[in-house]
Amino acid sequence: MIMEAKTGQLDFRAFGQAIKKARTDKGLTREQLGGMLSITPRYLVDIENEGQHPSLQVLYELISLFDISADQFFFPDSPKGKSTRRRQLDAMLDSMDEKELFVVSGTAKAIQEAKEAGE
């Protein structure tokens, strides 16, 4: 959640951690991502670990590249739309063929049945 810091500025640490996770999940180094966005790896370190405010352009590019929902950071108390995890899962599902979807569907059904049996 992005919150107001004591200085009156927004705290982007949660956003930075989400970017770091998304980057590592995709197997990208900071150098690779920096090259893709024409920014320095040091700037990414500051965004990911220090909560530095990215420029509007970099913010947009990171959100678009990693399919991250900015709503969860800017509007934490509003009704939830699709979370970042849900959006990323949707993108993975969209790339699967019918056989792969059958496996995922069976797995999800088994998880749901196990959950219901445990309640």
PDB file of N, CA and C in Angstrom:
ATOM      1  N   MET A   1       0.841  -1.161   0.000  1.00  0.00           N
ATOM      2  CA  MET A   1       0.000   0.000   0.000  1.00  0.00           C
ATOM      3  C   MET A   1       0.890   1.229   0.000  1.00  0.00           C
ATOM      4  N   ILE A   2       0.570   2.181  -0.852  1.00  0.00           N
ATOM      5  CA  ILE A   2       1.311   3.429  -0.886  1.00  0.00           C
ATOM      6  C   ILE A   2       0.641   4.353   0.118  1.00  0.00           C
ATOM      7  N   MET A   3       1.422   4.804   1.072  1.00  0.00           N
ATOM      8  CA  MET A   3       0.888   5.667   2.114  1.00  0.00           C
ATOM      9  C   MET A   3       1.696   6.949   2.164  1.00  0.00           C
ATOM     10  N   GLU A   4       1.124   7.953   2.791  1.00  0.00           N
ATOM     11  CA  GLU A   4       1.841   9.203   2.934  1.00  0.00           C
ATOM     12  C   GLU A   4       2.918   9.048   3.989  1.00  0.00           C
ATOM     13  N   ALA A   5       4.112   9.404   3.644  1.00  0.00           N
ATOM     14  CA  ALA A   5       5.223   9.376   4.588  1.00  0.00           C
ATOM     15  C   ALA A   5       5.220  10.667   5.397  1.00  0.00           C
ATOM     16  N   LYS A   6       6.061  10.738   6.405  1.00  0.00           N
ATOM     17  CA  LYS A   6       6.132  11.914   7.270  1.00  0.00           C
ATOM     18  C   LYS A   6       6.477  13.175   6.499  1.00  0.00           C
ATOM     19  N   THR A   7       7.201  13.039   5.420  1.00  0.00           N
ATOM     20  CA  THR A   7       7.620  14.196   4.635  1.00  0.00           C
ATOM     21  C   THR A   7       6.529  14.709   3.716  1.00  0.00           C
ATOM     22  N   GLY A   8       5.382  14.065   3.700  1.00  0.00           N
ATOM     23  CA  GLY A   8       4.302  14.473   2.818  1.00  0.00           C
ATOM     24  C   GLY A   8       4.373  13.800   1.461  1.00  0.00           C
ATOM     25  N   GLN A   9       5.376  12.947   1.268  1.00  0.00           N
ATOM     26  CA  GLN A   9       5.500  12.226   0.010  1.00  0.00           C
ATOM     27  C   GLN A   9       4.915  10.832   0.155  1.00  0.00           C
ATOM     28  N   LEU A  10       4.674  10.198  -0.965  1.00  0.00           N
ATOM     29  CA  LEU A  10       4.116   8.851  -0.948  1.00  0.00           C
ATOM     30  C   LEU A  10       5.204   7.813  -0.739  1.00  0.00           C
ATOM     31  N   ASP A  11       4.855   6.736  -0.075  1.00  0.00           N
ATOM     32  CA  ASP A  11       5.777   5.643   0.212  1.00  0.00           C
ATOM     33  C   ASP A  11       5.552   4.545  -0.822  1.00  0.00           C
ATOM     34  N   PHE A  12       6.531   4.304  -1.645  1.00  0.00           N
ATOM     35  CA  PHE A  12       6.414   3.342  -2.744  1.00  0.00           C
ATOM     36  C   PHE A  12       7.093   2.001  -2.438  1.00  0.00           C
ATOM     37  N   ARG A  13       7.395   1.722  -1.176  1.00  0.00           N
ATOM     38  CA  ARG A  13       8.117   0.483  -0.861  1.00  0.00           C
ATOM     39  C   ARG A  13       7.341  -0.776  -1.253  1.00  0.00           C
ATOM     40  N   ALA A  14       6.035  -0.831  -0.996  1.00  0.00           N
ATOM     41  CA  ALA A  14       5.247  -2.016  -1.363  1.00  0.00           C
ATOM     42  C   ALA A  14       5.233  -2.199  -2.882  1.00  0.00           C
ATOM     43  N   PHE A  15       5.127  -1.106  -3.603  1.00  0.00           N
ATOM     44  CA  PHE A  15       5.172  -1.173  -5.064  1.00  0.00           C
ATOM     45  C   PHE A  15       6.526  -1.698  -5.520  1.00  0.00           C
ATOM     46  N   GLY A  16       7.589  -1.186  -4.912  1.00  0.00           N
ATOM     47  CA  GLY A  16       8.938  -1.636  -5.263  1.00  0.00           C
ATOM     48  C   GLY A  16       9.117  -3.122  -5.039  1.00  0.00           C
ATOM     49  N   GLN A  17       8.578  -3.637  -3.932  1.00  0.00           N
ATOM     50  CA  GLN A  17       8.681  -5.064  -3.651  1.00  0.00           C
ATOM     51  C   GLN A  17       7.890  -5.887  -4.673  1.00  0.00           C
ATOM     52  N   ALA A  18       6.740  -5.370  -5.097  1.00  0.00           N
ATOM     53  CA  ALA A  18       5.954  -6.065  -6.124  1.00  0.00           C
ATOM     54  C   ALA A  18       6.710  -6.106  -7.452  1.00  0.00           C
ATOM     55  N   ILE A  19       7.383  -5.023  -7.783  1.00  0.00           N
ATOM     56  CA  ILE A  19       8.183  -4.974  -9.016  1.00  0.00           C
ATOM     57  C   ILE A  19       9.338  -5.970  -8.917  1.00  0.00           C
ATOM     58  N   LYS A  20      10.003  -5.993  -7.793  1.00  0.00           N
ATOM     59  CA  LYS A  20      11.134  -6.911  -7.605  1.00  0.00           C
ATOM     60  C   LYS A  20      10.681  -8.360  -7.764  1.00  0.00           C
ATOM     61  N   LYS A  21       9.545  -8.707  -7.141  1.00  0.00           N
ATOM     62  CA  LYS A  21       9.039 -10.076  -7.239  1.00  0.00           C
ATOM     63  C   LYS A  21       8.679 -10.416  -8.680  1.00  0.00           C
ATOM     64  N   ALA A  22       7.984  -9.509  -9.349  1.00  0.00           N
ATOM     65  CA  ALA A  22       7.587  -9.751 -10.738  1.00  0.00           C
ATOM     66  C   ALA A  22       8.818  -9.901 -11.634  1.00  0.00           C
ATOM     67  N   ARG A  23       9.825  -9.076 -11.403  1.00  0.00           N
ATOM     68  CA  ARG A  23      11.058  -9.149 -12.203  1.00  0.00           C
ATOM     69  C   ARG A  23      11.752 -10.490 -11.997  1.00  0.00           C
ATOM     70  N   THR A  24      11.907 -10.896 -10.743  1.00  0.00           N
ATOM     71  CA  THR A  24      12.606 -12.160 -10.468  1.00  0.00           C
ATOM     72  C   THR A  24      11.778 -13.357 -10.925  1.00  0.00           C
ATOM     73  N   ASP A  25      10.451 -13.254 -10.817  1.00  0.00           N
ATOM     74  CA  ASP A  25       9.582 -14.335 -11.307  1.00  0.00           C
ATOM     75  C   ASP A  25       9.756 -14.543 -12.811  1.00  0.00           C
ATOM     76  N   LYS A  26      10.027 -13.471 -13.529  1.00  0.00           N
ATOM     77  CA  LYS A  26      10.251 -13.567 -14.978  1.00  0.00           C
ATOM     78  C   LYS A  26      11.698 -13.889 -15.320  1.00  0.00           C
ATOM     79  N   GLY A  27      12.536 -14.016 -14.296  1.00  0.00           N
ATOM     80  CA  GLY A  27      13.940 -14.363 -14.523  1.00  0.00           C
ATOM     81  C   GLY A  27      14.764 -13.234 -15.102  1.00  0.00           C
ATOM     82  N   LEU A  28      14.359 -12.003 -14.860  1.00  0.00           N
ATOM     83  CA  LEU A  28      15.090 -10.856 -15.394  1.00  0.00           C
ATOM     84  C   LEU A  28      16.031 -10.289 -14.336  1.00  0.00           C
ATOM     85  N   THR A  29      17.208  -9.918 -14.764  1.00  0.00           N
ATOM     86  CA  THR A  29      18.132  -9.210 -13.879  1.00  0.00           C
ATOM     87  C   THR A  29      17.776  -7.725 -13.938  1.00  0.00           C
ATOM     88  N   ARG A  30      18.314  -6.973 -12.999  1.00  0.00           N
ATOM     89  CA  ARG A  30      18.100  -5.522 -13.032  1.00  0.00           C
ATOM     90  C   ARG A  30      18.736  -4.918 -14.281  1.00  0.00           C
ATOM     91  N   GLU A  31      19.857  -5.476 -14.685  1.00  0.00           N
ATOM     92  CA  GLU A  31      20.529  -4.976 -15.882  1.00  0.00           C
ATOM     93  C   GLU A  31      19.652  -5.201 -17.121  1.00  0.00           C
ATOM     94  N   GLN A  32      19.048  -6.385 -17.214  1.00  0.00           N
ATOM     95  CA  GLN A  32      18.185  -6.676 -18.359  1.00  0.00           C
ATOM     96  C   GLN A  32      16.963  -5.759 -18.370  1.00  0.00           C
ATOM     97  N   LEU A  33      16.303  -5.636 -17.221  1.00  0.00           N
ATOM     98  CA  LEU A  33      15.125  -4.778 -17.150  1.00  0.00           C
ATOM     99  C   LEU A  33      15.500  -3.319 -17.400  1.00  0.00           C
ATOM    100  N   GLY A  34      16.611  -2.890 -16.832  1.00  0.00           N
ATOM    101  CA  GLY A  34      17.067  -1.525 -17.073  1.00  0.00           C
ATOM    102  C   GLY A  34      17.282  -1.259 -18.548  1.00  0.00           C
ATOM    103  N   GLY A  35      17.877  -2.224 -19.242  1.00  0.00           N
ATOM    104  CA  GLY A  35      18.074  -2.082 -20.678  1.00  0.00           C
ATOM    105  C   GLY A  35      16.762  -1.997 -21.444  1.00  0.00           C
ATOM    106  N   MET A  36      15.777  -2.778 -21.011  1.00  0.00           N
ATOM    107  CA  MET A  36      14.466  -2.759 -21.665  1.00  0.00           C
ATOM    108  C   MET A  36      13.775  -1.399 -21.495  1.00  0.00           C
ATOM    109  N   LEU A  37      13.985  -0.775 -20.336  1.00  0.00           N
ATOM    110  CA  LEU A  37      13.289   0.474 -20.025  1.00  0.00           C
ATOM    111  C   LEU A  37      14.171   1.714 -20.194  1.00  0.00           C
ATOM    112  N   SER A  38      15.421   1.511 -20.598  1.00  0.00           N
ATOM    113  CA  SER A  38      16.391   2.603 -20.747  1.00  0.00           C
ATOM    114  C   SER A  38      16.594   3.360 -19.431  1.00  0.00           C
ATOM    115  N   ILE A  39      16.735   2.586 -18.355  1.00  0.00           N
ATOM    116  CA  ILE A  39      17.049   3.160 -17.045  1.00  0.00           C
ATOM    117  C   ILE A  39      18.212   2.378 -16.445  1.00  0.00           C
ATOM    118  N   THR A  40      18.846   2.932 -15.448  1.00  0.00           N
ATOM    119  CA  THR A  40      20.003   2.268 -14.855  1.00  0.00           C
ATOM    120  C   THR A  40      19.575   1.204 -13.848  1.00  0.00           C
ATOM    121  N   PRO A  41      20.375   0.157 -13.699  1.00  0.00           N
ATOM    122  CA  PRO A  41      20.092  -0.847 -12.663  1.00  0.00           C
ATOM    123  C   PRO A  41      20.037  -0.216 -11.263  1.00  0.00           C
ATOM    124  N   ARG A  42      20.836   0.810 -11.029  1.00  0.00           N
ATOM    125  CA  ARG A  42      20.841   1.488  -9.720  1.00  0.00           C
ATOM    126  C   ARG A  42      19.484   2.127  -9.437  1.00  0.00           C
ATOM    127  N   TYR A  43      18.862   2.697 -10.461  1.00  0.00           N
ATOM    128  CA  TYR A  43      17.528   3.286 -10.328  1.00  0.00           C
ATOM    129  C   TYR A  43      16.531   2.198  -9.931  1.00  0.00           C
ATOM    130  N   LEU A  44      16.653   1.008 -10.525  1.00  0.00           N
ATOM    131  CA  LEU A  44      15.779  -0.109 -10.158  1.00  0.00           C
ATOM    132  C   LEU A  44      16.006  -0.550  -8.718  1.00  0.00           C
ATOM    133  N   VAL A  45      17.269  -0.578  -8.280  1.00  0.00           N
ATOM    134  CA  VAL A  45      17.571  -0.914  -6.883  1.00  0.00           C
ATOM    135  C   VAL A  45      16.837   0.054  -5.965  1.00  0.00           C
ATOM    136  N   ASP A  46      16.907   1.338  -6.296  1.00  0.00           N
ATOM    137  CA  ASP A  46      16.257   2.347  -5.469  1.00  0.00           C
ATOM    138  C   ASP A  46      14.734   2.195  -5.466  1.00  0.00           C
ATOM    139  N   ILE A  47      14.150   1.860  -6.596  1.00  0.00           N
ATOM    140  CA  ILE A  47      12.700   1.639  -6.667  1.00  0.00           C
ATOM    141  C   ILE A  47      12.318   0.395  -5.875  1.00  0.00           C
ATOM    142  N   GLU A  48      13.034  -0.697  -6.117  1.00  0.00           N
ATOM    143  CA  GLU A  48      12.686  -1.978  -5.493  1.00  0.00           C
ATOM    144  C   GLU A  48      12.947  -2.010  -3.993  1.00  0.00           C
ATOM    145  N   ASN A  49      14.063  -1.473  -3.564  1.00  0.00           N
ATOM    146  CA  ASN A  49      14.469  -1.637  -2.169  1.00  0.00           C
ATOM    147  C   ASN A  49      14.268  -0.405  -1.296  1.00  0.00           C
ATOM    148  N   GLU A  50      14.277   0.766  -1.899  1.00  0.00           N
ATOM    149  CA  GLU A  50      14.199   1.997  -1.111  1.00  0.00           C
ATOM    150  C   GLU A  50      12.854   2.699  -1.233  1.00  0.00           C
ATOM    151  N   GLY A  51      12.002   2.211  -2.128  1.00  0.00           N
ATOM    152  CA  GLY A  51      10.707   2.859  -2.313  1.00  0.00           C
ATOM    153  C   GLY A  51      10.801   4.195  -3.021  1.00  0.00           C
ATOM    154  N   GLN A  52      11.858   4.372  -3.829  1.00  0.00           N
ATOM    155  CA  GLN A  52      11.995   5.620  -4.578  1.00  0.00           C
ATOM    156  C   GLN A  52      10.820   5.771  -5.529  1.00  0.00           C
ATOM    157  N   HIS A  53      10.377   7.000  -5.695  1.00  0.00           N
ATOM    158  CA  HIS A  53       9.281   7.284  -6.616  1.00  0.00           C
ATOM    159  C   HIS A  53       9.766   7.141  -8.049  1.00  0.00           C
ATOM    160  N   PRO A  54       9.194   6.234  -8.811  1.00  0.00           N
ATOM    161  CA  PRO A  54       9.576   6.168 -10.224  1.00  0.00           C
ATOM    162  C   PRO A  54       8.925   7.328 -10.978  1.00  0.00           C
ATOM    163  N   SER A  55       9.525   7.691 -12.086  1.00  0.00           N
ATOM    164  CA  SER A  55       8.872   8.692 -12.934  1.00  0.00           C
ATOM    165  C   SER A  55       7.558   8.111 -13.430  1.00  0.00           C
ATOM    166  N   LEU A  56       6.674   8.965 -13.876  1.00  0.00           N
ATOM    167  CA  LEU A  56       5.384   8.492 -14.378  1.00  0.00           C
ATOM    168  C   LEU A  56       5.576   7.525 -15.539  1.00  0.00           C
ATOM    169  N   GLN A  57       6.516   7.823 -16.428  1.00  0.00           N
ATOM    170  CA  GLN A  57       6.781   6.950 -17.570  1.00  0.00           C
ATOM    171  C   GLN A  57       7.268   5.575 -17.114  1.00  0.00           C
ATOM    172  N   VAL A  58       8.213   5.544 -16.165  1.00  0.00           N
ATOM    173  CA  VAL A  58       8.746   4.272 -15.662  1.00  0.00           C
ATOM    174  C   VAL A  58       7.656   3.515 -14.903  1.00  0.00           C
ATOM    175  N   LEU A  59       6.868   4.222 -14.104  1.00  0.00           N
ATOM    176  CA  LEU A  59       5.751   3.586 -13.395  1.00  0.00           C
ATOM    177  C   LEU A  59       4.825   2.894 -14.387  1.00  0.00           C
ATOM    178  N   TYR A  60       4.439   3.612 -15.441  1.00  0.00           N
ATOM    179  CA  TYR A  60       3.560   3.048 -16.465  1.00  0.00           C
ATOM    180  C   TYR A  60       4.191   1.833 -17.144  1.00  0.00           C
ATOM    181  N   GLU A  61       5.461   1.940 -17.502  1.00  0.00           N
ATOM    182  CA  GLU A  61       6.129   0.839 -18.191  1.00  0.00           C
ATOM    183  C   GLU A  61       6.237  -0.400 -17.294  1.00  0.00           C
ATOM    184  N   LEU A  62       6.538  -0.217 -16.020  1.00  0.00           N
ATOM    185  CA  LEU A  62       6.648  -1.349 -15.096  1.00  0.00           C
ATOM    186  C   LEU A  62       5.294  -2.020 -14.883  1.00  0.00           C
ATOM    187  N   ILE A  63       4.262  -1.216 -14.681  1.00  0.00           N
ATOM    188  CA  ILE A  63       2.917  -1.760 -14.489  1.00  0.00           C
ATOM    189  C   ILE A  63       2.475  -2.520 -15.733  1.00  0.00           C
ATOM    190  N   SER A  64       2.728  -1.951 -16.891  1.00  0.00           N
ATOM    191  CA  SER A  64       2.324  -2.594 -18.152  1.00  0.00           C
ATOM    192  C   SER A  64       3.118  -3.868 -18.412  1.00  0.00           C
ATOM    193  N   LEU A  65       4.423  -3.805 -18.219  1.00  0.00           N
ATOM    194  CA  LEU A  65       5.291  -4.941 -18.501  1.00  0.00           C
ATOM    195  C   LEU A  65       4.954  -6.142 -17.626  1.00  0.00           C
ATOM    196  N   PHE A  66       4.729  -5.883 -16.345  1.00  0.00           N
ATOM    197  CA  PHE A  66       4.509  -6.979 -15.401  1.00  0.00           C
ATOM    198  C   PHE A  66       3.034  -7.222 -15.091  1.00  0.00           C
ATOM    199  N   ASP A  67       2.143  -6.502 -15.774  1.00  0.00           N
ATOM    200  CA  ASP A  67       0.699  -6.656 -15.584  1.00  0.00           C
ATOM    201  C   ASP A  67       0.338  -6.556 -14.105  1.00  0.00           C
ATOM    202  N   ILE A  68       0.789  -5.490 -13.492  1.00  0.00           N
ATOM    203  CA  ILE A  68       0.550  -5.243 -12.070  1.00  0.00           C
ATOM    204  C   ILE A  68      -0.593  -4.253 -11.921  1.00  0.00           C
ATOM    205  N   SER A  69      -1.485  -4.541 -11.002  1.00  0.00           N
ATOM    206  CA  SER A  69      -2.594  -3.643 -10.713  1.00  0.00           C
ATOM    207  C   SER A  69      -2.121  -2.534  -9.780  1.00  0.00           C
ATOM    208  N   ALA A  70      -2.149  -1.312 -10.249  1.00  0.00           N
ATOM    209  CA  ALA A  70      -1.750  -0.179  -9.406  1.00  0.00           C
ATOM    210  C   ALA A  70      -2.808   0.143  -8.369  1.00  0.00           C
ATOM    211  N   ASP A  71      -4.036  -0.274  -8.598  1.00  0.00           N
ATOM    212  CA  ASP A  71      -5.121   0.014  -7.655  1.00  0.00           C
ATOM    213  C   ASP A  71      -4.818  -0.476  -6.249  1.00  0.00           C
ATOM    214  N   GLN A  72      -4.203  -1.636  -6.138  1.00  0.00           N
ATOM    215  CA  GLN A  72      -3.932  -2.189  -4.812  1.00  0.00           C
ATOM    216  C   GLN A  72      -2.972  -1.315  -4.013  1.00  0.00           C
ATOM    217  N   PHE A  73      -2.189  -0.500  -4.678  1.00  0.00           N
ATOM    218  CA  PHE A  73      -1.244   0.386  -4.002  1.00  0.00           C
ATOM    219  C   PHE A  73      -1.833   1.775  -3.761  1.00  0.00           C
ATOM    220  N   PHE A  74      -2.566   2.298  -4.733  1.00  0.00           N
ATOM    221  CA  PHE A  74      -3.094   3.646  -4.630  1.00  0.00           C
ATOM    222  C   PHE A  74      -4.445   3.725  -3.923  1.00  0.00           C
ATOM    223  N   PHE A  75      -5.228   2.657  -4.009  1.00  0.00           N
ATOM    224  CA  PHE A  75      -6.559   2.648  -3.402  1.00  0.00           C
ATOM    225  C   PHE A  75      -6.758   1.380  -2.571  1.00  0.00           C
ATOM    226  N   PRO A  76      -5.986   1.207  -1.509  1.00  0.00           N
ATOM    227  CA  PRO A  76      -6.026  -0.055  -0.757  1.00  0.00           C
ATOM    228  C   PRO A  76      -7.358  -0.326  -0.066  1.00  0.00           C
ATOM    229  N   ASP A  77      -8.151   0.710   0.204  1.00  0.00           N
ATOM    230  CA  ASP A  77      -9.408   0.515   0.921  1.00  0.00           C
ATOM    231  C   ASP A  77     -10.614   0.407   0.007  1.00  0.00           C
ATOM    232  N   SER A  78     -10.421   0.543  -1.299  1.00  0.00           N
ATOM    233  CA  SER A  78     -11.549   0.465  -2.228  1.00  0.00           C
ATOM    234  C   SER A  78     -11.835  -0.988  -2.570  1.00  0.00           C
ATOM    235  N   PRO A  79     -13.043  -1.256  -3.070  1.00  0.00           N
ATOM    236  CA  PRO A  79     -13.368  -2.638  -3.456  1.00  0.00           C
ATOM    237  C   PRO A  79     -12.341  -3.163  -4.454  1.00  0.00           C
ATOM    238  N   LYS A  80     -11.983  -4.392  -4.277  1.00  0.00           N
ATOM    239  CA  LYS A  80     -10.916  -4.984  -5.076  1.00  0.00           C
ATOM    240  C   LYS A  80     -11.407  -5.387  -6.460  1.00  0.00           C
ATOM    241  N   GLY A  81     -10.594  -5.055  -7.436  1.00  0.00           N
ATOM    242  CA  GLY A  81     -10.772  -5.579  -8.774  1.00  0.00           C
ATOM    243  C   GLY A  81      -9.896  -6.819  -8.842  1.00  0.00           C
ATOM    244  N   LYS A  82      -9.352  -7.071  -9.975  1.00  0.00           N
ATOM    245  CA  LYS A  82      -8.435  -8.199 -10.091  1.00  0.00           C
ATOM    246  C   LYS A  82      -7.097  -7.821  -9.488  1.00  0.00           C
ATOM    247  N   SER A  83      -6.593  -8.676  -8.600  1.00  0.00           N
ATOM    248  CA  SER A  83      -5.287  -8.443  -7.993  1.00  0.00           C
ATOM    249  C   SER A  83      -4.195  -8.686  -9.037  1.00  0.00           C
ATOM    250  N   THR A  84      -3.006  -8.277  -8.682  1.00  0.00           N
ATOM    251  CA  THR A  84      -1.867  -8.517  -9.566  1.00  0.00           C
ATOM    252  C   THR A  84      -1.707 -10.008  -9.817  1.00  0.00           C
ATOM    253  N   ARG A  85      -1.786 -10.806  -8.769  1.00  0.00           N
ATOM    254  CA  ARG A  85      -1.635 -12.256  -8.910  1.00  0.00           C
ATOM    255  C   ARG A  85      -2.703 -12.812  -9.864  1.00  0.00           C
ATOM    256  N   ARG A  86      -3.953 -12.343  -9.730  1.00  0.00           N
ATOM    257  CA  ARG A  86      -5.054 -12.809 -10.590  1.00  0.00           C
ATOM    258  C   ARG A  86      -4.809 -12.396 -12.038  1.00  0.00           C
ATOM    259  N   ARG A  87      -4.338 -11.175 -12.250  1.00  0.00           N
ATOM    260  CA  ARG A  87      -4.068 -10.709 -13.617  1.00  0.00           C
ATOM    261  C   ARG A  87      -2.940 -11.511 -14.254  1.00  0.00           C
ATOM    262  N   GLN A  88      -1.899 -11.805 -13.471  1.00  0.00           N
ATOM    263  CA  GLN A  88      -0.781 -12.588 -13.995  1.00  0.00           C
ATOM    264  C   GLN A  88      -1.224 -14.009 -14.313  1.00  0.00           C
ATOM    265  N   LEU A  89      -2.061 -14.580 -13.449  1.00  0.00           N
ATOM    266  CA  LEU A  89      -2.590 -15.922 -13.697  1.00  0.00           C
ATOM    267  C   LEU A  89      -3.464 -15.936 -14.948  1.00  0.00           C
ATOM    268  N   ASP A  90      -4.298 -14.922 -15.112  1.00  0.00           N
ATOM    269  CA  ASP A  90      -5.123 -14.818 -16.321  1.00  0.00           C
ATOM    270  C   ASP A  90      -4.256 -14.794 -17.580  1.00  0.00           C
ATOM    271  N   ALA A  91      -3.154 -14.054 -17.531  1.00  0.00           N
ATOM    272  CA  ALA A  91      -2.259 -13.975 -18.696  1.00  0.00           C
ATOM    273  C   ALA A  91      -1.649 -15.340 -18.987  1.00  0.00           C
ATOM    274  N   MET A  92      -1.261 -16.071 -17.949  1.00  0.00           N
ATOM    275  CA  MET A  92      -0.707 -17.418 -18.155  1.00  0.00           C
ATOM    276  C   MET A  92      -1.762 -18.346 -18.746  1.00  0.00           C
ATOM    277  N   LEU A  93      -2.974 -18.276 -18.215  1.00  0.00           N
ATOM    278  CA  LEU A  93      -4.047 -19.134 -18.718  1.00  0.00           C
ATOM    279  C   LEU A  93      -4.353 -18.839 -20.183  1.00  0.00           C
ATOM    280  N   ASP A  94      -4.309 -17.564 -20.551  1.00  0.00           N
ATOM    281  CA  ASP A  94      -4.574 -17.180 -21.939  1.00  0.00           C
ATOM    282  C   ASP A  94      -3.572 -17.781 -22.911  1.00  0.00           C
ATOM    283  N   SER A  95      -2.364 -18.103 -22.430  1.00  0.00           N
ATOM    284  CA  SER A  95      -1.334 -18.638 -23.319  1.00  0.00           C
ATOM    285  C   SER A  95      -1.347 -20.164 -23.399  1.00  0.00           C
ATOM    286  N   MET A  96      -2.248 -20.822 -22.661  1.00  0.00           N
ATOM    287  CA  MET A  96      -2.260 -22.291 -22.616  1.00  0.00           C
ATOM    288  C   MET A  96      -3.202 -22.880 -23.655  1.00  0.00           C
ATOM    289  N   ASP A  97      -2.838 -24.092 -24.103  1.00  0.00           N
ATOM    290  CA  ASP A  97      -3.726 -24.812 -25.012  1.00  0.00           C
ATOM    291  C   ASP A  97      -4.736 -25.620 -24.191  1.00  0.00           C
ATOM    292  N   GLU A  98      -5.639 -26.312 -24.871  1.00  0.00           N
ATOM    293  CA  GLU A  98      -6.726 -27.029 -24.188  1.00  0.00           C
ATOM    294  C   GLU A  98      -6.225 -28.129 -23.252  1.00  0.00           C
ATOM    295  N   LYS A  99      -5.184 -28.849 -23.634  1.00  0.00           N
ATOM    296  CA  LYS A  99      -4.643 -29.898 -22.768  1.00  0.00           C
ATOM    297  C   LYS A  99      -4.105 -29.307 -21.470  1.00  0.00           C
ATOM    298  N   GLU A 100      -3.380 -28.210 -21.599  1.00  0.00           N
ATOM    299  CA  GLU A 100      -2.821 -27.561 -20.408  1.00  0.00           C
ATOM    300  C   GLU A 100      -3.925 -26.996 -19.518  1.00  0.00           C
ATOM    301  N   LEU A 101      -4.959 -26.431 -20.135  1.00  0.00           N
ATOM    302  CA  LEU A 101      -6.088 -25.910 -19.365  1.00  0.00           C
ATOM    303  C   LEU A 101      -6.823 -27.029 -18.628  1.00  0.00           C
ATOM    304  N   PHE A 102      -6.891 -28.197 -19.234  1.00  0.00           N
ATOM    305  CA  PHE A 102      -7.526 -29.350 -18.597  1.00  0.00           C
ATOM    306  C   PHE A 102      -6.783 -29.720 -17.310  1.00  0.00           C
ATOM    307  N   VAL A 103      -5.457 -29.727 -17.372  1.00  0.00           N
ATOM    308  CA  VAL A 103      -4.641 -30.044 -16.198  1.00  0.00           C
ATOM    309  C   VAL A 103      -4.840 -28.991 -15.111  1.00  0.00           C
ATOM    310  N   VAL A 104      -4.797 -27.718 -15.494  1.00  0.00           N
ATOM    311  CA  VAL A 104      -4.969 -26.636 -14.529  1.00  0.00           C
ATOM    312  C   VAL A 104      -6.364 -26.695 -13.915  1.00  0.00           C
ATOM    313  N   SER A 105      -7.362 -26.935 -14.730  1.00  0.00           N
ATOM    314  CA  SER A 105      -8.733 -27.030 -14.243  1.00  0.00           C
ATOM    315  C   SER A 105      -8.891 -28.175 -13.248  1.00  0.00           C
ATOM    316  N   GLY A 106      -8.321 -29.326 -13.570  1.00  0.00           N
ATOM    317  CA  GLY A 106      -8.386 -30.477 -12.663  1.00  0.00           C
ATOM    318  C   GLY A 106      -7.677 -30.200 -11.344  1.00  0.00           C
ATOM    319  N   THR A 107      -6.545 -29.516 -11.427  1.00  0.00           N
ATOM    320  CA  THR A 107      -5.798 -29.161 -10.219  1.00  0.00           C
ATOM    321  C   THR A 107      -6.603 -28.201  -9.350  1.00  0.00           C
ATOM    322  N   ALA A 108      -7.184 -27.187  -9.969  1.00  0.00           N
ATOM    323  CA  ALA A 108      -7.986 -26.210  -9.224  1.00  0.00           C
ATOM    324  C   ALA A 108      -9.199 -26.883  -8.580  1.00  0.00           C
ATOM    325  N   LYS A 109      -9.828 -27.796  -9.303  1.00  0.00           N
ATOM    326  CA  LYS A 109     -10.987 -28.505  -8.755  1.00  0.00           C
ATOM    327  C   LYS A 109     -10.575 -29.356  -7.559  1.00  0.00           C
ATOM    328  N   ALA A 110      -9.443 -30.044  -7.656  1.00  0.00           N
ATOM    329  CA  ALA A 110      -8.961 -30.874  -6.549  1.00  0.00           C
ATOM    330  C   ALA A 110      -8.639 -30.011  -5.323  1.00  0.00           C
ATOM    331  N   ILE A 111      -8.060 -28.854  -5.535  1.00  0.00           N
ATOM    332  CA  ILE A 111      -7.767 -27.934  -4.423  1.00  0.00           C
ATOM    333  C   ILE A 111      -9.062 -27.476  -3.775  1.00  0.00           C
ATOM    334  N   GLN A 112     -10.040 -27.138  -4.582  1.00  0.00           N
ATOM    335  CA  GLN A 112     -11.312 -26.681  -4.061  1.00  0.00           C
ATOM    336  C   GLN A 112     -12.014 -27.786  -3.263  1.00  0.00           C
ATOM    337  N   GLU A 113     -12.004 -29.013  -3.778  1.00  0.00           N
ATOM    338  CA  GLU A 113     -12.626 -30.124  -3.080  1.00  0.00           C
ATOM    339  C   GLU A 113     -11.918 -30.411  -1.756  1.00  0.00           C
ATOM    340  N   ALA A 114     -10.591 -30.342  -1.741  1.00  0.00           N
ATOM    341  CA  ALA A 114      -9.826 -30.574  -0.515  1.00  0.00           C
ATOM    342  C   ALA A 114     -10.140 -29.476   0.509  1.00  0.00           C
ATOM    343  N   LYS A 115     -10.282 -28.274   0.039  1.00  0.00           N
ATOM    344  CA  LYS A 115     -10.609 -27.157   0.923  1.00  0.00           C
ATOM    345  C   LYS A 115     -11.990 -27.339   1.526  1.00  0.00           C
ATOM    346  N   GLU A 116     -12.952 -27.737   0.711  1.00  0.00           N
ATOM    347  CA  GLU A 116     -14.303 -27.954   1.205  1.00  0.00           C
ATOM    348  C   GLU A 116     -14.374 -29.130   2.171  1.00  0.00           C
ATOM    349  N   ALA A 117     -13.583 -30.155   1.935  1.00  0.00           N
ATOM    350  CA  ALA A 117     -13.559 -31.318   2.835  1.00  0.00           C
ATOM    351  C   ALA A 117     -12.951 -30.961   4.186  1.00  0.00           C
ATOM    352  N   GLY A 118     -12.047 -29.993   4.200  1.00  0.00           N
ATOM    353  CA  GLY A 118     -11.384 -29.595   5.432  1.00  0.00           C
ATOM    354  C   GLY A 118     -12.197 -28.623   6.261  1.00  0.00           C
ATOM    355  N   GLU A 119     -13.241 -28.065   5.696  1.00  0.00           N
ATOM    356  CA  GLU A 119     -14.051 -27.064   6.433  1.00  0.00           C
ATOM    357  C   GLU A 119     -15.031 -27.683   7.374  1.00  0.00           C
TER     358      GLU A 119
END
